[in-house]
Amino acid sequence: MQQAEAQLMSAATAISGTGAASLNGSNPDVVDLSAEMLALISAQASFAANAATLETVDQMEKILLDVTA
């Protein structure tokens, strides 16, 4: 989940900096928005998959505790 969060923050930072002038006033940085959006979607899917895994583990533990009790 931390890796997905880091990927999400990196892509969001790149997107938010699009068109910002550099310190010396030269041309703005160029960002491939389609690649950054793909990174955002990928991070979101990874986070959702990890959350679903944790929910499944939680349910399995509850079932195990019910069986052993």
PDB file of N, CA and C in Angstrom:
ATOM      1  N   MET A   1       0.813  -1.178   0.000  1.00  0.00           N
ATOM      2  CA  MET A   1       0.000   0.000   0.000  1.00  0.00           C
ATOM      3  C   MET A   1       0.866   1.255   0.000  1.00  0.00           C
ATOM      4  N   GLN A   2       2.000   1.191   0.681  1.00  0.00           N
ATOM      5  CA  GLN A   2       2.894   2.343   0.708  1.00  0.00           C
ATOM      6  C   GLN A   2       3.487   2.602  -0.670  1.00  0.00           C
ATOM      7  N   GLN A   3       3.785   1.528  -1.400  1.00  0.00           N
ATOM      8  CA  GLN A   3       4.323   1.680  -2.750  1.00  0.00           C
ATOM      9  C   GLN A   3       3.287   2.311  -3.668  1.00  0.00           C
ATOM     10  N   ALA A   4       2.033   1.894  -3.544  1.00  0.00           N
ATOM     11  CA  ALA A   4       0.962   2.484  -4.350  1.00  0.00           C
ATOM     12  C   ALA A   4       0.788   3.953  -4.011  1.00  0.00           C
ATOM     13  N   GLU A   5       0.889   4.288  -2.719  1.00  0.00           N
ATOM     14  CA  GLU A   5       0.771   5.684  -2.310  1.00  0.00           C
ATOM     15  C   GLU A   5       1.920   6.519  -2.863  1.00  0.00           C
ATOM     16  N   ALA A   6       3.125   5.970  -2.835  1.00  0.00           N
ATOM     17  CA  ALA A   6       4.285   6.691  -3.370  1.00  0.00           C
ATOM     18  C   ALA A   6       4.142   6.918  -4.873  1.00  0.00           C
ATOM     19  N   GLN A   7       3.656   5.895  -5.576  1.00  0.00           N
ATOM     20  CA  GLN A   7       3.442   6.020  -7.017  1.00  0.00           C
ATOM     21  C   GLN A   7       2.375   7.078  -7.304  1.00  0.00           C
ATOM     22  N   LEU A   8       1.317   7.078  -6.516  1.00  0.00           N
ATOM     23  CA  LEU A   8       0.248   8.056  -6.680  1.00  0.00           C
ATOM     24  C   LEU A   8       0.765   9.475  -6.445  1.00  0.00           C
ATOM     25  N   MET A   9       1.528   9.672  -5.390  1.00  0.00           N
ATOM     26  CA  MET A   9       2.053  11.005  -5.089  1.00  0.00           C
ATOM     27  C   MET A   9       3.025  11.482  -6.164  1.00  0.00           C
ATOM     28  N   SER A  10       3.838  10.589  -6.684  1.00  0.00           N
ATOM     29  CA  SER A  10       4.786  10.952  -7.727  1.00  0.00           C
ATOM     30  C   SER A  10       4.066  11.409  -8.990  1.00  0.00           C
ATOM     31  N   ALA A  11       3.054  10.661  -9.396  1.00  0.00           N
ATOM     32  CA  ALA A  11       2.299  11.023 -10.595  1.00  0.00           C
ATOM     33  C   ALA A  11       1.527  12.316 -10.378  1.00  0.00           C
ATOM     34  N   ALA A  12       0.939  12.481  -9.209  1.00  0.00           N
ATOM     35  CA  ALA A  12       0.180  13.703  -8.923  1.00  0.00           C
ATOM     36  C   ALA A  12       1.087  14.929  -8.910  1.00  0.00           C
ATOM     37  N   THR A  13       2.274  14.772  -8.381  1.00  0.00           N
ATOM     38  CA  THR A  13       3.232  15.875  -8.362  1.00  0.00           C
ATOM     39  C   THR A  13       3.653  16.259  -9.775  1.00  0.00           C
ATOM     40  N   ALA A  14       3.882  15.254 -10.612  1.00  0.00           N
ATOM     41  CA  ALA A  14       4.267  15.526 -12.001  1.00  0.00           C
ATOM     42  C   ALA A  14       3.147  16.237 -12.746  1.00  0.00           C
ATOM     43  N   ILE A  15       1.913  15.807 -12.516  1.00  0.00           N
ATOM     44  CA  ILE A  15       0.770  16.434 -13.194  1.00  0.00           C
ATOM     45  C   ILE A  15       0.573  17.858 -12.699  1.00  0.00           C
ATOM     46  N   SER A  16       0.689  18.067 -11.400  1.00  0.00           N
ATOM     47  CA  SER A  16       0.447  19.412 -10.850  1.00  0.00           C
ATOM     48  C   SER A  16       1.518  20.401 -11.287  1.00  0.00           C
ATOM     49  N   GLY A  17       2.694  19.921 -11.625  1.00  0.00           N
ATOM     50  CA  GLY A  17       3.771  20.802 -12.066  1.00  0.00           C
ATOM     51  C   GLY A  17       3.733  21.103 -13.550  1.00  0.00           C
ATOM     52  N   THR A  18       2.781  20.566 -14.265  1.00  0.00           N
ATOM     53  CA  THR A  18       2.694  20.759 -15.704  1.00  0.00           C
ATOM     54  C   THR A  18       2.493  22.238 -16.019  1.00  0.00           C
ATOM     55  N   GLY A  19       3.319  22.758 -16.886  1.00  0.00           N
ATOM     56  CA  GLY A  19       3.187  24.140 -17.317  1.00  0.00           C
ATOM     57  C   GLY A  19       3.819  25.151 -16.396  1.00  0.00           C
ATOM     58  N   ALA A  20       4.378  24.726 -15.307  1.00  0.00           N
ATOM     59  CA  ALA A  20       5.017  25.656 -14.380  1.00  0.00           C
ATOM     60  C   ALA A  20       6.357  26.098 -14.960  1.00  0.00           C
ATOM     61  N   ALA A  21       6.631  27.373 -14.887  1.00  0.00           N
ATOM     62  CA  ALA A  21       7.893  27.891 -15.402  1.00  0.00           C
ATOM     63  C   ALA A  21       9.029  27.482 -14.470  1.00  0.00           C
ATOM     64  N   SER A  22      10.188  27.264 -15.060  1.00  0.00           N
ATOM     65  CA  SER A  22      11.342  26.913 -14.239  1.00  0.00           C
ATOM     66  C   SER A  22      11.855  28.173 -13.532  1.00  0.00           C
ATOM     67  N   LEU A  23      12.795  28.001 -12.642  1.00  0.00           N
ATOM     68  CA  LEU A  23      13.293  29.114 -11.845  1.00  0.00           C
ATOM     69  C   LEU A  23      13.923  30.220 -12.690  1.00  0.00           C
ATOM     70  N   ASN A  24      14.602  29.849 -13.781  1.00  0.00           N
ATOM     71  CA  ASN A  24      15.265  30.859 -14.605  1.00  0.00           C
ATOM     72  C   ASN A  24      14.343  31.417 -15.691  1.00  0.00           C
ATOM     73  N   GLY A  25      13.077  31.043 -15.691  1.00  0.00           N
ATOM     74  CA  GLY A  25      12.110  31.596 -16.633  1.00  0.00           C
ATOM     75  C   GLY A  25      12.128  30.957 -18.000  1.00  0.00           C
ATOM     76  N   SER A  26      12.843  29.856 -18.156  1.00  0.00           N
ATOM     77  CA  SER A  26      12.907  29.192 -19.454  1.00  0.00           C
ATOM     78  C   SER A  26      11.614  28.433 -19.726  1.00  0.00           C
ATOM     79  N   ASN A  27      11.617  27.652 -20.765  1.00  0.00           N
ATOM     80  CA  ASN A  27      10.419  26.898 -21.149  1.00  0.00           C
ATOM     81  C   ASN A  27       9.941  26.004 -20.011  1.00  0.00           C
ATOM     82  N   PRO A  28       8.635  25.850 -19.900  1.00  0.00           N
ATOM     83  CA  PRO A  28       8.109  24.973 -18.842  1.00  0.00           C
ATOM     84  C   PRO A  28       8.458  23.513 -19.109  1.00  0.00           C
ATOM     85  N   ASP A  29       8.492  22.763 -18.046  1.00  0.00           N
ATOM     86  CA  ASP A  29       8.753  21.336 -18.172  1.00  0.00           C
ATOM     87  C   ASP A  29       7.629  20.674 -18.945  1.00  0.00           C
ATOM     88  N   VAL A  30       7.983  19.647 -19.696  1.00  0.00           N
ATOM     89  CA  VAL A  30       6.995  18.899 -20.463  1.00  0.00           C
ATOM     90  C   VAL A  30       6.709  17.595 -19.734  1.00  0.00           C
ATOM     91  N   VAL A  31       5.432  17.318 -19.524  1.00  0.00           N
ATOM     92  CA  VAL A  31       5.017  16.102 -18.836  1.00  0.00           C
ATOM     93  C   VAL A  31       4.069  15.344 -19.738  1.00  0.00           C
ATOM     94  N   ASP A  32       4.284  14.038 -19.866  1.00  0.00           N
ATOM     95  CA  ASP A  32       3.385  13.196 -20.647  1.00  0.00           C
ATOM     96  C   ASP A  32       2.167  12.886 -19.780  1.00  0.00           C
ATOM     97  N   LEU A  33       1.101  13.650 -19.992  1.00  0.00           N
ATOM     98  CA  LEU A  33      -0.075  13.504 -19.138  1.00  0.00           C
ATOM     99  C   LEU A  33      -0.705  12.125 -19.248  1.00  0.00           C
ATOM    100  N   SER A  34      -0.683  11.523 -20.433  1.00  0.00           N
ATOM    101  CA  SER A  34      -1.287  10.192 -20.569  1.00  0.00           C
ATOM    102  C   SER A  34      -0.516   9.168 -19.740  1.00  0.00           C
ATOM    103  N   ALA A  35       0.799   9.275 -19.714  1.00  0.00           N
ATOM    104  CA  ALA A  35       1.602   8.347 -18.902  1.00  0.00           C
ATOM    105  C   ALA A  35       1.357   8.579 -17.416  1.00  0.00           C
ATOM    106  N   GLU A  36       1.244   9.844 -17.015  1.00  0.00           N
ATOM    107  CA  GLU A  36       1.007  10.141 -15.608  1.00  0.00           C
ATOM    108  C   GLU A  36      -0.386   9.704 -15.170  1.00  0.00           C
ATOM    109  N   MET A  37      -1.389   9.874 -16.038  1.00  0.00           N
ATOM    110  CA  MET A  37      -2.739   9.403 -15.706  1.00  0.00           C
ATOM    111  C   MET A  37      -2.755   7.880 -15.599  1.00  0.00           C
ATOM    112  N   LEU A  38      -2.019   7.222 -16.484  1.00  0.00           N
ATOM    113  CA  LEU A  38      -1.913   5.763 -16.412  1.00  0.00           C
ATOM    114  C   LEU A  38      -1.267   5.348 -15.090  1.00  0.00           C
ATOM    115  N   ALA A  39      -0.262   6.096 -14.644  1.00  0.00           N
ATOM    116  CA  ALA A  39       0.380   5.802 -13.359  1.00  0.00           C
ATOM    117  C   ALA A  39      -0.604   6.004 -12.210  1.00  0.00           C
ATOM    118  N   LEU A  40      -1.442   7.046 -12.295  1.00  0.00           N
ATOM    119  CA  LEU A  40      -2.453   7.269 -11.259  1.00  0.00           C
ATOM    120  C   LEU A  40      -3.453   6.121 -11.204  1.00  0.00           C
ATOM    121  N   ILE A  41      -3.919   5.695 -12.374  1.00  0.00           N
ATOM    122  CA  ILE A  41      -4.887   4.597 -12.437  1.00  0.00           C
ATOM    123  C   ILE A  41      -4.264   3.310 -11.918  1.00  0.00           C
ATOM    124  N   SER A  42      -3.015   3.082 -12.276  1.00  0.00           N
ATOM    125  CA  SER A  42      -2.308   1.888 -11.812  1.00  0.00           C
ATOM    126  C   SER A  42      -2.141   1.898 -10.292  1.00  0.00           C
ATOM    127  N   ALA A  43      -1.784   3.047  -9.744  1.00  0.00           N
ATOM    128  CA  ALA A  43      -1.625   3.155  -8.294  1.00  0.00           C
ATOM    129  C   ALA A  43      -2.959   2.933  -7.588  1.00  0.00           C
ATOM    130  N   GLN A  44      -4.025   3.472  -8.161  1.00  0.00           N
ATOM    131  CA  GLN A  44      -5.351   3.297  -7.568  1.00  0.00           C
ATOM    132  C   GLN A  44      -5.749   1.818  -7.576  1.00  0.00           C
ATOM    133  N   ALA A  45      -5.504   1.137  -8.692  1.00  0.00           N
ATOM    134  CA  ALA A  45      -5.845  -0.283  -8.786  1.00  0.00           C
ATOM    135  C   ALA A  45      -5.012  -1.113  -7.811  1.00  0.00           C
ATOM    136  N   SER A  46      -3.742  -0.771  -7.685  1.00  0.00           N
ATOM    137  CA  SER A  46      -2.865  -1.489  -6.758  1.00  0.00           C
ATOM    138  C   SER A  46      -3.329  -1.297  -5.318  1.00  0.00           C
ATOM    139  N   PHE A  47      -3.694  -0.072  -4.966  1.00  0.00           N
ATOM    140  CA  PHE A  47      -4.183   0.211  -3.620  1.00  0.00           C
ATOM    141  C   PHE A  47      -5.476  -0.551  -3.346  1.00  0.00           C
ATOM    142  N   ALA A  48      -6.391  -0.569  -4.332  1.00  0.00           N
ATOM    143  CA  ALA A  48      -7.663  -1.275  -4.162  1.00  0.00           C
ATOM    144  C   ALA A  48      -7.434  -2.776  -4.004  1.00  0.00           C
ATOM    145  N   ALA A  49      -6.501  -3.331  -4.774  1.00  0.00           N
ATOM    146  CA  ALA A  49      -6.206  -4.763  -4.664  1.00  0.00           C
ATOM    147  C   ALA A  49      -5.622  -5.089  -3.293  1.00  0.00           C
ATOM    148  N   ASN A  50      -4.741  -4.239  -2.801  1.00  0.00           N
ATOM    149  CA  ASN A  50      -4.168  -4.464  -1.472  1.00  0.00           C
ATOM    150  C   ASN A  50      -5.232  -4.357  -0.386  1.00  0.00           C
ATOM    151  N   ALA A  51      -6.142  -3.406  -0.531  1.00  0.00           N
ATOM    152  CA  ALA A  51      -7.220  -3.264   0.450  1.00  0.00           C
ATOM    153  C   ALA A  51      -8.125  -4.490   0.434  1.00  0.00           C
ATOM    154  N   ALA A  52      -8.431  -5.006  -0.751  1.00  0.00           N
ATOM    155  CA  ALA A  52      -9.268  -6.204  -0.857  1.00  0.00           C
ATOM    156  C   ALA A  52      -8.570  -7.408  -0.225  1.00  0.00           C
ATOM    157  N   THR A  53      -7.267  -7.494  -0.396  1.00  0.00           N
ATOM    158  CA  THR A  53      -6.503  -8.584   0.220  1.00  0.00           C
ATOM    159  C   THR A  53      -6.582  -8.505   1.739  1.00  0.00           C
ATOM    160  N   LEU A  54      -6.431  -7.300   2.276  1.00  0.00           N
ATOM    161  CA  LEU A  54      -6.516  -7.134   3.736  1.00  0.00           C
ATOM    162  C   LEU A  54      -7.909  -7.479   4.256  1.00  0.00           C
ATOM    163  N   GLU A  55      -8.945  -7.128   3.510  1.00  0.00           N
ATOM    164  CA  GLU A  55     -10.308  -7.473   3.913  1.00  0.00           C
ATOM    165  C   GLU A  55     -10.505  -8.985   3.920  1.00  0.00           C
ATOM    166  N   THR A  56      -9.948  -9.665   2.922  1.00  0.00           N
ATOM    167  CA  THR A  56     -10.059 -11.125   2.853  1.00  0.00           C
ATOM    168  C   THR A  56      -9.335 -11.779   4.022  1.00  0.00           C
ATOM    169  N   VAL A  57      -8.154 -11.280   4.342  1.00  0.00           N
ATOM    170  CA  VAL A  57      -7.403 -11.815   5.484  1.00  0.00           C
ATOM    171  C   VAL A  57      -8.190 -11.612   6.768  1.00  0.00           C
ATOM    172  N   ASP A  58      -8.796 -10.449   6.919  1.00  0.00           N
ATOM    173  CA  ASP A  58      -9.607 -10.162   8.101  1.00  0.00           C
ATOM    174  C   ASP A  58     -10.775 -11.146   8.219  1.00  0.00           C
ATOM    175  N   GLN A  59     -11.456 -11.391   7.106  1.00  0.00           N
ATOM    176  CA  GLN A  59     -12.581 -12.335   7.108  1.00  0.00           C
ATOM    177  C   GLN A  59     -12.106 -13.749   7.436  1.00  0.00           C
ATOM    178  N   MET A  60     -10.951 -14.144   6.890  1.00  0.00           N
ATOM    179  CA  MET A  60     -10.424 -15.483   7.157  1.00  0.00           C
ATOM    180  C   MET A  60     -10.069 -15.638   8.634  1.00  0.00           C
ATOM    181  N   GLU A  61      -9.498 -14.603   9.217  1.00  0.00           N
ATOM    182  CA  GLU A  61      -9.164 -14.665  10.647  1.00  0.00           C
ATOM    183  C   GLU A  61     -10.418 -14.786  11.498  1.00  0.00           C
ATOM    184  N   LYS A  62     -11.456 -14.057  11.141  1.00  0.00           N
ATOM    185  CA  LYS A  62     -12.713 -14.147  11.887  1.00  0.00           C
ATOM    186  C   LYS A  62     -13.299 -15.547  11.793  1.00  0.00           C
ATOM    187  N   ILE A  63     -13.266 -16.134  10.601  1.00  0.00           N
ATOM    188  CA  ILE A  63     -13.781 -17.490  10.416  1.00  0.00           C
ATOM    189  C   ILE A  63     -12.966 -18.486  11.237  1.00  0.00           C
ATOM    190  N   LEU A  64     -11.647 -18.321  11.211  1.00  0.00           N
ATOM    191  CA  LEU A  64     -10.753 -19.207  11.962  1.00  0.00           C
ATOM    192  C   LEU A  64     -11.037 -19.105  13.457  1.00  0.00           C
ATOM    193  N   LEU A  65     -11.245 -17.899  13.954  1.00  0.00           N
ATOM    194  CA  LEU A  65     -11.525 -17.723  15.364  1.00  0.00           C
ATOM    195  C   LEU A  65     -12.885 -18.318  15.726  1.00  0.00           C
ATOM    196  N   ASP A  66     -13.874 -18.236  14.833  1.00  0.00           N
ATOM    197  CA  ASP A  66     -15.187 -18.822  15.083  1.00  0.00           C
ATOM    198  C   ASP A  66     -15.108 -20.346  15.125  1.00  0.00           C
ATOM    199  N   VAL A  67     -14.270 -20.926  14.270  1.00  0.00           N
ATOM    200  CA  VAL A  67     -14.139 -22.378  14.204  1.00  0.00           C
ATOM    201  C   VAL A  67     -13.434 -22.913  15.446  1.00  0.00           C
ATOM    202  N   THR A  68     -12.406 -22.221  15.917  1.00  0.00           N
ATOM    203  CA  THR A  68     -11.636 -22.701  17.051  1.00  0.00           C
ATOM    204  C   THR A  68     -12.295 -22.389  18.389  1.00  0.00           C
ATOM    205  N   ALA A  69     -13.259 -21.521  18.405  1.00  0.00           N
ATOM    206  CA  ALA A  69     -13.901 -21.145  19.671  1.00  0.00           C
ATOM    207  C   ALA A  69     -14.933 -22.135  20.098  1.00  0.00           C
TER     208      ALA A  69
END
